[in-house]
Amino acid sequence: MADRITVEVAYALPDKQKIVSLAVAPGTTAREAVRMARLEQHFPTIAAEVFLEADLGIFGKALRKPDEHVLDAGDRVEVYRALITDPKLARKRRADKAARAAQ
């Protein structure tokens, strides 16, 4: 069994993204990897707690229990930003605007 595995932790804003590569011990959870990535150093206007409390996923698939999800070698943990607007409401607003423009 390997004494370290390589994983990545990714976070993105509309204008900036960062992927941090880490060598972690087998058994490391997704949440622990986010803590180790120290994303607040790359995004100084965002408090560390935001990253540590955010929803997480692996390659686009949301994790239900990121504090318990053990990583595999090569996993990329994605830190998700909170939604500003409900997607259903945003779609409805766009549809309403398009309908008014078509009249």
N, C-alpha and C. Protein backbone atom coordinates (compact mmCIF):
# COMPACT_ATOMS: atom_id res chain seq x y z
N MET A 1 0.85 -1.18 0.00
CA MET A 1 0.00 0.00 0.00
C MET A 1 0.89 1.24 0.00
N ALA A 2 0.55 2.21 -0.82
CA ALA A 2 1.34 3.44 -0.93
C ALA A 2 1.23 4.26 0.35
N ASP A 3 2.32 4.95 0.68
CA ASP A 3 2.27 5.78 1.88
C ASP A 3 1.71 7.16 1.57
N ARG A 4 1.59 7.54 0.29
CA ARG A 4 0.98 8.81 -0.12
C ARG A 4 0.23 8.59 -1.43
N ILE A 5 -0.85 9.31 -1.62
CA ILE A 5 -1.56 9.34 -2.90
C ILE A 5 -1.65 10.80 -3.33
N THR A 6 -1.75 11.02 -4.63
CA THR A 6 -1.86 12.38 -5.15
C THR A 6 -3.31 12.68 -5.48
N VAL A 7 -3.79 13.81 -4.98
CA VAL A 7 -5.14 14.30 -5.27
C VAL A 7 -5.04 15.78 -5.58
N GLU A 8 -6.13 16.34 -6.10
CA GLU A 8 -6.19 17.77 -6.38
C GLU A 8 -7.40 18.36 -5.68
N VAL A 9 -7.28 19.64 -5.33
CA VAL A 9 -8.40 20.40 -4.79
C VAL A 9 -8.58 21.62 -5.69
N ALA A 10 -9.80 21.82 -6.19
CA ALA A 10 -10.07 22.90 -7.14
C ALA A 10 -11.13 23.85 -6.61
N TYR A 11 -10.90 25.15 -6.88
CA TYR A 11 -11.89 26.19 -6.57
C TYR A 11 -11.83 27.22 -7.67
N ALA A 12 -12.98 27.75 -8.05
CA ALA A 12 -13.00 28.74 -9.12
C ALA A 12 -13.99 29.85 -8.83
N LEU A 13 -13.58 31.05 -9.19
CA LEU A 13 -14.45 32.21 -9.25
C LEU A 13 -14.67 32.49 -10.73
N PRO A 14 -15.58 33.38 -11.08
CA PRO A 14 -15.79 33.66 -12.51
C PRO A 14 -14.52 34.12 -13.23
N ASP A 15 -13.62 34.78 -12.52
CA ASP A 15 -12.43 35.34 -13.16
C ASP A 15 -11.11 34.70 -12.73
N LYS A 16 -11.16 33.69 -11.85
CA LYS A 16 -9.93 33.09 -11.36
C LYS A 16 -10.20 31.67 -10.89
N GLN A 17 -9.26 30.78 -11.18
CA GLN A 17 -9.39 29.42 -10.66
C GLN A 17 -8.04 28.96 -10.12
N LYS A 18 -8.09 27.99 -9.23
CA LYS A 18 -6.87 27.43 -8.66
C LYS A 18 -7.08 25.94 -8.43
N ILE A 19 -6.10 25.15 -8.88
CA ILE A 19 -6.09 23.72 -8.60
C ILE A 19 -4.81 23.44 -7.83
N VAL A 20 -4.97 22.91 -6.63
CA VAL A 20 -3.83 22.61 -5.75
C VAL A 20 -3.62 21.10 -5.75
N SER A 21 -2.42 20.69 -6.10
CA SER A 21 -2.06 19.27 -6.08
C SER A 21 -1.48 18.93 -4.71
N LEU A 22 -1.93 17.83 -4.13
CA LEU A 22 -1.50 17.42 -2.80
C LEU A 22 -1.08 15.96 -2.79
N ALA A 23 -0.09 15.64 -2.00
CA ALA A 23 0.26 14.26 -1.69
C ALA A 23 -0.26 14.01 -0.28
N VAL A 24 -1.24 13.13 -0.16
CA VAL A 24 -1.90 12.90 1.13
C VAL A 24 -1.80 11.44 1.52
N ALA A 25 -2.02 11.16 2.77
CA ALA A 25 -2.02 9.79 3.27
C ALA A 25 -3.28 9.07 2.81
N PRO A 26 -3.18 7.79 2.48
CA PRO A 26 -4.40 7.03 2.20
C PRO A 26 -5.35 7.14 3.39
N GLY A 27 -6.63 7.26 3.09
CA GLY A 27 -7.62 7.43 4.15
C GLY A 27 -8.01 8.88 4.37
N THR A 28 -7.36 9.81 3.67
CA THR A 28 -7.70 11.23 3.79
C THR A 28 -9.09 11.46 3.20
N THR A 29 -9.89 12.26 3.90
CA THR A 29 -11.24 12.57 3.41
C THR A 29 -11.20 13.82 2.53
N ALA A 30 -12.28 14.01 1.80
CA ALA A 30 -12.39 15.18 0.92
C ALA A 30 -12.27 16.47 1.74
N ARG A 31 -12.93 16.54 2.87
CA ARG A 31 -12.89 17.76 3.70
C ARG A 31 -11.47 18.00 4.22
N GLU A 32 -10.77 16.95 4.62
CA GLU A 32 -9.39 17.11 5.09
C GLU A 32 -8.49 17.64 3.98
N ALA A 33 -8.69 17.17 2.75
CA ALA A 33 -7.89 17.65 1.62
C ALA A 33 -8.12 19.14 1.37
N VAL A 34 -9.37 19.57 1.51
CA VAL A 34 -9.66 21.00 1.35
C VAL A 34 -8.93 21.80 2.41
N ARG A 35 -8.92 21.32 3.63
CA ARG A 35 -8.21 22.00 4.72
C ARG A 35 -6.71 22.09 4.38
N MET A 36 -6.14 20.99 3.89
CA MET A 36 -4.71 20.95 3.56
C MET A 36 -4.35 21.86 2.38
N ALA A 37 -5.30 22.09 1.48
CA ALA A 37 -5.03 22.89 0.28
C ALA A 37 -4.84 24.37 0.60
N ARG A 38 -5.34 24.81 1.74
CA ARG A 38 -5.20 26.21 2.19
C ARG A 38 -5.58 27.19 1.07
N LEU A 39 -6.78 27.03 0.57
CA LEU A 39 -7.26 27.87 -0.53
C LEU A 39 -7.32 29.35 -0.17
N GLU A 40 -7.46 29.64 1.11
CA GLU A 40 -7.53 31.06 1.52
C GLU A 40 -6.26 31.81 1.16
N GLN A 41 -5.15 31.12 0.99
CA GLN A 41 -3.91 31.78 0.57
C GLN A 41 -3.99 32.25 -0.88
N HIS A 42 -4.77 31.56 -1.69
CA HIS A 42 -4.91 31.91 -3.10
C HIS A 42 -6.08 32.85 -3.34
N PHE A 43 -7.02 32.89 -2.39
CA PHE A 43 -8.19 33.75 -2.48
C PHE A 43 -8.30 34.52 -1.16
N PRO A 44 -7.43 35.51 -0.95
CA PRO A 44 -7.34 36.18 0.35
C PRO A 44 -8.59 36.96 0.77
N THR A 45 -9.49 37.25 -0.16
CA THR A 45 -10.71 37.96 0.22
C THR A 45 -11.80 37.03 0.73
N ILE A 46 -11.51 35.71 0.71
CA ILE A 46 -12.48 34.72 1.17
C ILE A 46 -11.96 34.07 2.44
N ALA A 47 -12.79 34.05 3.47
CA ALA A 47 -12.39 33.46 4.75
C ALA A 47 -12.22 31.94 4.62
N ALA A 48 -11.28 31.40 5.36
CA ALA A 48 -11.00 29.96 5.32
C ALA A 48 -12.25 29.14 5.65
N GLU A 49 -13.10 29.66 6.52
CA GLU A 49 -14.30 28.93 6.92
C GLU A 49 -15.23 28.68 5.74
N VAL A 50 -15.24 29.59 4.78
CA VAL A 50 -16.10 29.42 3.60
C VAL A 50 -15.71 28.13 2.87
N PHE A 51 -14.42 27.90 2.69
CA PHE A 51 -13.97 26.68 2.01
C PHE A 51 -14.25 25.44 2.86
N LEU A 52 -14.08 25.56 4.15
CA LEU A 52 -14.24 24.41 5.03
C LEU A 52 -15.69 24.01 5.25
N GLU A 53 -16.62 24.92 4.94
CA GLU A 53 -18.04 24.63 5.13
C GLU A 53 -18.77 24.42 3.81
N ALA A 54 -18.09 24.62 2.69
CA ALA A 54 -18.72 24.55 1.38
C ALA A 54 -19.11 23.12 1.00
N ASP A 55 -20.05 23.02 0.07
CA ASP A 55 -20.38 21.73 -0.52
C ASP A 55 -19.19 21.30 -1.38
N LEU A 56 -18.96 19.99 -1.45
CA LEU A 56 -17.83 19.46 -2.20
C LEU A 56 -18.31 18.40 -3.18
N GLY A 57 -17.48 18.18 -4.20
CA GLY A 57 -17.75 17.14 -5.18
C GLY A 57 -16.45 16.54 -5.67
N ILE A 58 -16.56 15.43 -6.38
CA ILE A 58 -15.43 14.78 -7.02
C ILE A 58 -15.76 14.73 -8.51
N PHE A 59 -14.97 15.40 -9.32
CA PHE A 59 -15.17 15.43 -10.77
C PHE A 59 -16.63 15.71 -11.14
N GLY A 60 -17.23 16.73 -10.53
CA GLY A 60 -18.57 17.16 -10.89
C GLY A 60 -19.71 16.41 -10.21
N LYS A 61 -19.40 15.44 -9.41
CA LYS A 61 -20.45 14.70 -8.70
C LYS A 61 -20.43 15.10 -7.23
N ALA A 62 -21.55 15.68 -6.77
CA ALA A 62 -21.63 16.17 -5.40
C ALA A 62 -21.47 15.04 -4.40
N LEU A 63 -20.79 15.35 -3.31
CA LEU A 63 -20.60 14.39 -2.22
C LEU A 63 -21.65 14.63 -1.16
N ARG A 64 -22.32 13.58 -0.73
CA ARG A 64 -23.31 13.72 0.33
C ARG A 64 -22.66 13.87 1.70
N LYS A 65 -21.54 13.17 1.90
CA LYS A 65 -20.86 13.21 3.19
C LYS A 65 -19.37 13.46 2.97
N PRO A 66 -19.00 14.71 2.63
CA PRO A 66 -17.59 15.00 2.33
C PRO A 66 -16.66 14.80 3.52
N ASP A 67 -17.20 14.87 4.74
CA ASP A 67 -16.37 14.65 5.92
C ASP A 67 -16.01 13.17 6.09
N GLU A 68 -16.73 12.29 5.39
CA GLU A 68 -16.50 10.86 5.51
C GLU A 68 -15.96 10.24 4.21
N HIS A 69 -16.07 10.96 3.10
CA HIS A 69 -15.66 10.40 1.81
C HIS A 69 -14.14 10.29 1.72
N VAL A 70 -13.64 9.06 1.65
CA VAL A 70 -12.21 8.80 1.56
C VAL A 70 -11.79 8.92 0.10
N LEU A 71 -10.72 9.66 -0.13
CA LEU A 71 -10.25 9.92 -1.48
C LEU A 71 -9.45 8.76 -2.06
N ASP A 72 -9.52 8.64 -3.38
CA ASP A 72 -8.71 7.70 -4.13
C ASP A 72 -7.63 8.48 -4.86
N ALA A 73 -6.55 7.82 -5.21
CA ALA A 73 -5.48 8.48 -5.95
C ALA A 73 -6.05 9.06 -7.24
N GLY A 74 -5.67 10.30 -7.53
CA GLY A 74 -6.12 10.96 -8.75
C GLY A 74 -7.43 11.72 -8.64
N ASP A 75 -8.12 11.63 -7.50
CA ASP A 75 -9.37 12.37 -7.33
C ASP A 75 -9.12 13.87 -7.37
N ARG A 76 -10.10 14.59 -7.91
CA ARG A 76 -10.07 16.06 -7.86
C ARG A 76 -11.28 16.51 -7.04
N VAL A 77 -11.01 17.06 -5.87
CA VAL A 77 -12.06 17.57 -4.99
C VAL A 77 -12.42 18.97 -5.48
N GLU A 78 -13.68 19.20 -5.76
CA GLU A 78 -14.15 20.51 -6.20
C GLU A 78 -14.90 21.18 -5.05
N VAL A 79 -14.53 22.41 -4.78
CA VAL A 79 -15.18 23.20 -3.73
C VAL A 79 -16.21 24.08 -4.44
N TYR A 80 -17.48 23.89 -4.10
CA TYR A 80 -18.56 24.60 -4.78
C TYR A 80 -18.89 25.91 -4.08
N ARG A 81 -19.12 26.93 -4.90
CA ARG A 81 -19.56 28.23 -4.37
C ARG A 81 -21.05 28.17 -4.08
N ALA A 82 -21.49 28.96 -3.12
CA ALA A 82 -22.92 29.05 -2.81
C ALA A 82 -23.63 29.73 -3.97
N LEU A 83 -24.85 29.29 -4.25
CA LEU A 83 -25.63 29.91 -5.31
C LEU A 83 -26.13 31.27 -4.85
N ILE A 84 -26.05 32.24 -5.73
CA ILE A 84 -26.54 33.58 -5.42
C ILE A 84 -28.04 33.65 -5.66
N THR A 85 -28.49 33.01 -6.74
CA THR A 85 -29.90 33.01 -7.12
C THR A 85 -30.36 31.58 -7.34
N ASP A 86 -31.57 31.29 -6.96
CA ASP A 86 -32.16 29.98 -7.21
C ASP A 86 -32.21 29.76 -8.72
N PRO A 87 -31.62 28.66 -9.24
CA PRO A 87 -31.59 28.43 -10.69
C PRO A 87 -32.98 28.41 -11.35
N LYS A 88 -33.97 27.86 -10.66
CA LYS A 88 -35.32 27.83 -11.24
C LYS A 88 -35.88 29.25 -11.39
N LEU A 89 -35.65 30.07 -10.39
CA LEU A 89 -36.11 31.45 -10.45
C LEU A 89 -35.38 32.21 -11.55
N ALA A 90 -34.10 32.00 -11.69
CA ALA A 90 -33.33 32.67 -12.74
C ALA A 90 -33.84 32.28 -14.12
N ARG A 91 -34.12 30.98 -14.34
CA ARG A 91 -34.66 30.53 -15.63
C ARG A 91 -36.01 31.17 -15.91
N LYS A 92 -36.86 31.24 -14.89
CA LYS A 92 -38.18 31.84 -15.06
C LYS A 92 -38.04 33.31 -15.45
N ARG A 93 -37.15 34.03 -14.79
CA ARG A 93 -36.94 35.44 -15.12
C ARG A 93 -36.47 35.61 -16.57
N ARG A 94 -35.54 34.75 -17.01
CA ARG A 94 -35.06 34.84 -18.39
C ARG A 94 -36.19 34.54 -19.38
N ALA A 95 -37.01 33.54 -19.07
CA ALA A 95 -38.12 33.19 -19.94
C ALA A 95 -39.14 34.32 -20.01
N ASP A 96 -39.43 34.93 -18.88
CA ASP A 96 -40.36 36.06 -18.85
C ASP A 96 -39.82 37.23 -19.66
N LYS A 97 -38.53 37.49 -19.53
CA LYS A 97 -37.91 38.60 -20.27
C LYS A 97 -37.94 38.31 -21.77
N ALA A 98 -37.67 37.08 -22.17
CA ALA A 98 -37.70 36.71 -23.58
C ALA A 98 -39.13 36.81 -24.13
N ALA A 99 -40.12 36.43 -23.34
CA ALA A 99 -41.50 36.51 -23.77
C ALA A 99 -41.93 37.96 -23.98
N ARG A 100 -41.50 38.84 -23.07
CA ARG A 100 -41.83 40.27 -23.21
C ARG A 100 -41.16 40.86 -24.45
N ALA A 101 -39.92 40.45 -24.71
CA ALA A 101 -39.18 40.96 -25.88
C ALA A 101 -39.81 40.48 -27.18
N ALA A 102 -40.43 39.30 -27.16
CA ALA A 102 -41.02 38.74 -28.38
C ALA A 102 -42.37 39.40 -28.71
N GLN A 103 -42.96 40.12 -27.78
CA GLN A 103 -44.28 40.73 -28.00
C GLN A 103 -44.18 41.96 -28.85
